[in-house]
C-alpha atoms as a PDB file:
ATOM      1  CA  UNK A   1      -8.864  23.874  -4.894  1.00  0.00           C
ATOM      2  CA  UNK A   2     -10.346  20.454  -4.721  1.00  0.00           C
ATOM      3  CA  UNK A   3     -10.902  18.701  -1.303  1.00  0.00           C
ATOM      4  CA  UNK A   4      -7.806  16.924  -0.146  1.00  0.00           C
ATOM      5  CA  UNK A   5      -7.960  13.136  -0.967  1.00  0.00           C
ATOM      6  CA  UNK A   6      -5.534  12.131   1.937  1.00  0.00           C
ATOM      7  CA  UNK A   7      -6.853  12.721   5.450  1.00  0.00           C
ATOM      8  CA  UNK A   8      -4.434  13.778   8.268  1.00  0.00           C
ATOM      9  CA  UNK A   9      -4.279  10.251   9.685  1.00  0.00           C
ATOM     10  CA  UNK A  10      -3.088   8.823   6.296  1.00  0.00           C
ATOM     11  CA  UNK A  11      -0.739  11.795   5.936  1.00  0.00           C
ATOM     12  CA  UNK A  12       0.806  11.056   9.149  1.00  0.00           C
ATOM     13  CA  UNK A  13       1.404   7.462   8.405  1.00  0.00           C
ATOM     14  CA  UNK A  14       2.757   8.284   4.971  1.00  0.00           C
ATOM     15  CA  UNK A  15       5.227  10.843   6.671  1.00  0.00           C
ATOM     16  CA  UNK A  16       6.361   8.032   8.999  1.00  0.00           C
ATOM     17  CA  UNK A  17       7.041   5.841   6.171  1.00  0.00           C
ATOM     18  CA  UNK A  18       8.817   8.607   4.079  1.00  0.00           C
ATOM     19  CA  UNK A  19      11.386   8.810   7.106  1.00  0.00           C
ATOM     20  CA  UNK A  20      13.100   6.022   5.263  1.00  0.00           C
ATOM     21  CA  UNK A  21      13.506   7.805   1.953  1.00  0.00           C
ATOM     22  CA  UNK A  22      17.260   8.171   1.158  1.00  0.00           C
ATOM     23  CA  UNK A  23      17.828   9.437  -2.405  1.00  0.00           C
ATOM     24  CA  UNK A  24      15.534  11.517  -4.623  1.00  0.00           C
ATOM     25  CA  UNK A  25      12.723  10.054  -6.622  1.00  0.00           C
ATOM     26  CA  UNK A  26      11.072  11.729  -9.645  1.00  0.00           C
ATOM     27  CA  UNK A  27       7.346  10.760 -10.441  1.00  0.00           C
ATOM     28  CA  UNK A  28       6.581  11.075 -13.965  1.00  0.00           C
ATOM     29  CA  UNK A  29       2.746  11.557 -14.458  1.00  0.00           C
ATOM     30  CA  UNK A  30       1.204  10.911 -17.895  1.00  0.00           C
ATOM     31  CA  UNK A  31      -2.262  12.154 -18.435  1.00  0.00           C
ATOM     32  CA  UNK A  32      -4.638  13.128 -21.044  1.00  0.00           C
ATOM     33  CA  UNK A  33      -6.628  16.308 -21.568  1.00  0.00           C
ATOM     34  CA  UNK A  34      -9.694  14.438 -22.933  1.00  0.00           C
ATOM     35  CA  UNK A  35     -11.008  10.921 -22.427  1.00  0.00           C
ATOM     36  CA  UNK A  36      -9.305  10.215 -19.080  1.00  0.00           C
ATOM     37  CA  UNK A  37     -11.656   9.725 -16.362  1.00  0.00           C
ATOM     38  CA  UNK A  38      -9.106   9.403 -13.449  1.00  0.00           C
ATOM     39  CA  UNK A  39      -6.401  11.825 -14.677  1.00  0.00           C
ATOM     40  CA  UNK A  40      -7.280  14.667 -12.513  1.00  0.00           C
ATOM     41  CA  UNK A  41      -7.777  12.545  -9.340  1.00  0.00           C
ATOM     42  CA  UNK A  42      -4.519  10.645  -9.895  1.00  0.00           C
ATOM     43  CA  UNK A  43      -2.557  13.830 -10.504  1.00  0.00           C
ATOM     44  CA  UNK A  44      -4.110  15.364  -7.286  1.00  0.00           C
ATOM     45  CA  UNK A  45      -3.270  12.153  -5.367  1.00  0.00           C
ATOM     46  CA  UNK A  46       0.381  12.013  -6.561  1.00  0.00           C
ATOM     47  CA  UNK A  47       0.776  15.796  -5.888  1.00  0.00           C
ATOM     48  CA  UNK A  48      -0.435  15.315  -2.396  1.00  0.00           C
ATOM     49  CA  UNK A  49       2.019  12.480  -1.873  1.00  0.00           C
ATOM     50  CA  UNK A  50       5.061  14.163  -3.384  1.00  0.00           C
ATOM     51  CA  UNK A  51       4.319  17.296  -1.273  1.00  0.00           C
ATOM     52  CA  UNK A  52       5.032  15.191   1.835  1.00  0.00           C
ATOM     53  CA  UNK A  53       8.719  14.938   1.206  1.00  0.00           C
ATOM     54  CA  UNK A  54      11.523  17.111  -0.160  1.00  0.00           C
ATOM     55  CA  UNK A  55      13.019  13.895  -1.494  1.00  0.00           C
ATOM     56  CA  UNK A  56      10.210  13.388  -3.991  1.00  0.00           C
ATOM     57  CA  UNK A  57       9.546  15.440  -7.116  1.00  0.00           C
ATOM     58  CA  UNK A  58       6.783  15.401  -9.800  1.00  0.00           C
ATOM     59  CA  UNK A  59       6.986  16.121 -13.614  1.00  0.00           C
ATOM     60  CA  UNK A  60       3.535  16.183 -15.486  1.00  0.00           C
ATOM     61  CA  UNK A  61       3.222  15.145 -19.141  1.00  0.00           C
ATOM     62  CA  UNK A  62       0.560  14.667 -21.577  1.00  0.00           C
ATOM     63  CA  UNK A  63       0.335  11.146 -23.178  1.00  0.00           C
ATOM     64  CA  UNK A  64      -0.468  12.686 -26.625  1.00  0.00           C
ATOM     65  CA  UNK A  65       1.619  15.850 -26.629  1.00  0.00           C
ATOM     66  CA  UNK A  66       4.637  14.108 -25.105  1.00  0.00           C
ATOM     67  CA  UNK A  67       4.315  11.014 -27.105  1.00  0.00           C
ATOM     68  CA  UNK A  68       7.959  10.411 -27.630  1.00  0.00           C
ATOM     69  CA  UNK A  69       8.698  10.622 -24.031  1.00  0.00           C
ATOM     70  CA  UNK A  70       5.902   8.323 -23.290  1.00  0.00           C
ATOM     71  CA  UNK A  71       7.155   5.818 -25.748  1.00  0.00           C
ATOM     72  CA  UNK A  72      10.680   6.102 -24.277  1.00  0.00           C
ATOM     73  CA  UNK A  73       9.178   5.072 -20.902  1.00  0.00           C
ATOM     74  CA  UNK A  74       6.717   2.473 -22.364  1.00  0.00           C
ATOM     75  CA  UNK A  75       3.662   4.298 -21.092  1.00  0.00           C
ATOM     76  CA  UNK A  76       0.585   3.777 -23.247  1.00  0.00           C
ATOM     77  CA  UNK A  77      -2.171   4.310 -20.755  1.00  0.00           C
ATOM     78  CA  UNK A  78      -3.458   7.316 -19.002  1.00  0.00           C
ATOM     79  CA  UNK A  79      -3.164   7.986 -16.217  1.00  0.00           C
ATOM     80  CA  UNK A  80       0.276   6.437 -16.143  1.00  0.00           C
ATOM     81  CA  UNK A  81       2.948   6.803 -13.651  1.00  0.00           C
ATOM     82  CA  UNK A  82       6.654   6.191 -13.873  1.00  0.00           C
ATOM     83  CA  UNK A  83       8.958   6.176 -10.641  1.00  0.00           C
ATOM     84  CA  UNK A  84      12.604   6.995 -11.447  1.00  0.00           C
ATOM     85  CA  UNK A  85      15.576   7.567  -9.288  1.00  0.00           C
ATOM     86  CA  UNK A  86      16.888  11.151  -9.676  1.00  0.00           C
ATOM     87  CA  UNK A  87      20.526  12.331  -9.443  1.00  0.00           C
ATOM     88  CA  UNK A  88      20.556  16.050 -10.290  1.00  0.00           C
ATOM     89  CA  UNK A  89      19.032  16.188 -13.777  1.00  0.00           C
ATOM     90  CA  UNK A  90      19.628  12.555 -14.537  1.00  0.00           C
ATOM     91  CA  UNK A  91      16.826  10.126 -14.284  1.00  0.00           C
ATOM     92  CA  UNK A  92      17.354   6.318 -13.751  1.00  0.00           C
ATOM     93  CA  UNK A  93      14.344   4.162 -14.895  1.00  0.00           C
ATOM     94  CA  UNK A  94      13.868   1.205 -12.629  1.00  0.00           C
ATOM     95  CA  UNK A  95      11.044  -0.059 -14.831  1.00  0.00           C
ATOM     96  CA  UNK A  96       8.270   0.699 -12.185  1.00  0.00           C
ATOM     97  CA  UNK A  97       5.044   1.657 -13.693  1.00  0.00           C
ATOM     98  CA  UNK A  98       1.431   2.274 -12.601  1.00  0.00           C
ATOM     99  CA  UNK A  99      -1.491   2.420 -14.969  1.00  0.00           C
ATOM    100  CA  UNK A 100      -4.675   3.949 -13.614  1.00  0.00           C
ATOM    101  CA  UNK A 101      -5.265   5.523 -10.274  1.00  0.00           C
ATOM    102  CA  UNK A 102      -3.203   3.778  -7.444  1.00  0.00           C
ATOM    103  CA  UNK A 103      -6.157   3.489  -4.992  1.00  0.00           C
ATOM    104  CA  UNK A 104      -7.102   0.630  -2.786  1.00  0.00           C
ATOM    105  CA  UNK A 105      -4.276  -1.893  -2.473  1.00  0.00           C
ATOM    106  CA  UNK A 106      -2.250  -0.051  -5.151  1.00  0.00           C
ATOM    107  CA  UNK A 107      -1.993   2.944  -2.951  1.00  0.00           C
ATOM    108  CA  UNK A 108       0.381   0.957  -0.408  1.00  0.00           C
ATOM    109  CA  UNK A 109       2.141  -0.419  -3.360  1.00  0.00           C
ATOM    110  CA  UNK A 110       3.048   3.096  -4.542  1.00  0.00           C
ATOM    111  CA  UNK A 111       4.136   4.220  -1.326  1.00  0.00           C
ATOM    112  CA  UNK A 112       6.353   1.174  -0.769  1.00  0.00           C
ATOM    113  CA  UNK A 113       7.591   1.491  -4.357  1.00  0.00           C
ATOM    114  CA  UNK A 114       8.617   5.088  -3.609  1.00  0.00           C
ATOM    115  CA  UNK A 115      10.701   3.868  -0.738  1.00  0.00           C
ATOM    116  CA  UNK A 116      12.414   1.147  -2.753  1.00  0.00           C
ATOM    117  CA  UNK A 117      13.391   3.480  -5.598  1.00  0.00           C
ATOM    118  CA  UNK A 118      14.711   5.816  -3.073  1.00  0.00           C
ATOM    119  CA  UNK A 119      16.890   3.240  -1.410  1.00  0.00           C
ATOM    120  CA  UNK A 120      18.100   2.131  -4.838  1.00  0.00           C
ATOM    121  CA  UNK A 121      18.012  -1.502  -3.719  1.00  0.00           C
ATOM    122  CA  UNK A 122      15.259  -3.866  -4.722  1.00  0.00           C
ATOM    123  CA  UNK A 123      15.714  -6.013  -1.666  1.00  0.00           C
ATOM    124  CA  UNK A 124      16.099  -9.050  -3.819  1.00  0.00           C
ATOM    125  CA  UNK A 125      17.997 -12.116  -2.608  1.00  0.00           C
ATOM    126  CA  UNK A 126      21.590 -12.505  -4.045  1.00  0.00           C
ATOM    127  CA  UNK A 127      20.492 -15.791  -5.638  1.00  0.00           C
ATOM    128  CA  UNK A 128      17.550 -14.060  -7.369  1.00  0.00           C
ATOM    129  CA  UNK A 129      19.809 -11.271  -8.461  1.00  0.00           C
ATOM    130  CA  UNK A 130      22.274 -13.832  -9.949  1.00  0.00           C
ATOM    131  CA  UNK A 131      19.468 -15.617 -11.768  1.00  0.00           C
ATOM    132  CA  UNK A 132      18.133 -12.333 -13.150  1.00  0.00           C
ATOM    133  CA  UNK A 133      21.554 -11.340 -14.312  1.00  0.00           C
ATOM    134  CA  UNK A 134      21.901 -14.390 -16.482  1.00  0.00           C
ATOM    135  CA  UNK A 135      18.629 -13.764 -18.314  1.00  0.00           C
ATOM    136  CA  UNK A 136      19.406 -13.440 -22.006  1.00  0.00           C
ATOM    137  CA  UNK A 137      16.364 -11.765 -23.189  1.00  0.00           C
ATOM    138  CA  UNK A 138      14.009  -9.049 -21.729  1.00  0.00           C
ATOM    139  CA  UNK A 139      11.143 -10.100 -19.654  1.00  0.00           C
ATOM    140  CA  UNK A 140       7.918  -8.144 -19.358  1.00  0.00           C
ATOM    141  CA  UNK A 141       6.297  -8.661 -15.988  1.00  0.00           C
ATOM    142  CA  UNK A 142       2.941  -7.200 -15.369  1.00  0.00           C
ATOM    143  CA  UNK A 143       0.756  -7.363 -12.427  1.00  0.00           C
ATOM    144  CA  UNK A 144      -2.965  -6.605 -12.893  1.00  0.00           C
ATOM    145  CA  UNK A 145      -5.432  -5.737 -10.152  1.00  0.00           C
ATOM    146  CA  UNK A 146      -8.962  -5.261 -10.380  1.00  0.00           C
ATOM    147  CA  UNK A 147     -10.783  -3.419  -7.626  1.00  0.00           C
ATOM    148  CA  UNK A 148     -13.784  -5.026  -6.538  1.00  0.00           C
END
């Protein structure tokens, strides 16, 4: 087995944050068998995180072999992550995606997003919710981060 990516100090901090988890969350991992430099590390990282709470689950897919599912979730990069609410076998897609390994600042975003999906509440102000509800066409919001 590979050496753990998360040290005990980080694990303790994550467990403390995960005490806020309320409802089940499923992480859908999309990787590739070839040509994916960070797939193995990303899968290991996500597995270590998911193992810290019974509220979290992980499903592993191949971007090529499971192309229909990847298309359904609008995942076109490997590694890719989808964070979905889980209610039994039913998954609710909240549109949260990660492309690439969530390291550096993206790591804390991943942990925070898991808590948000678990709460089933975005935390948005009622005025913002009303504005978004009135949108007539889909909006694609992407945040790109370059580690330097």
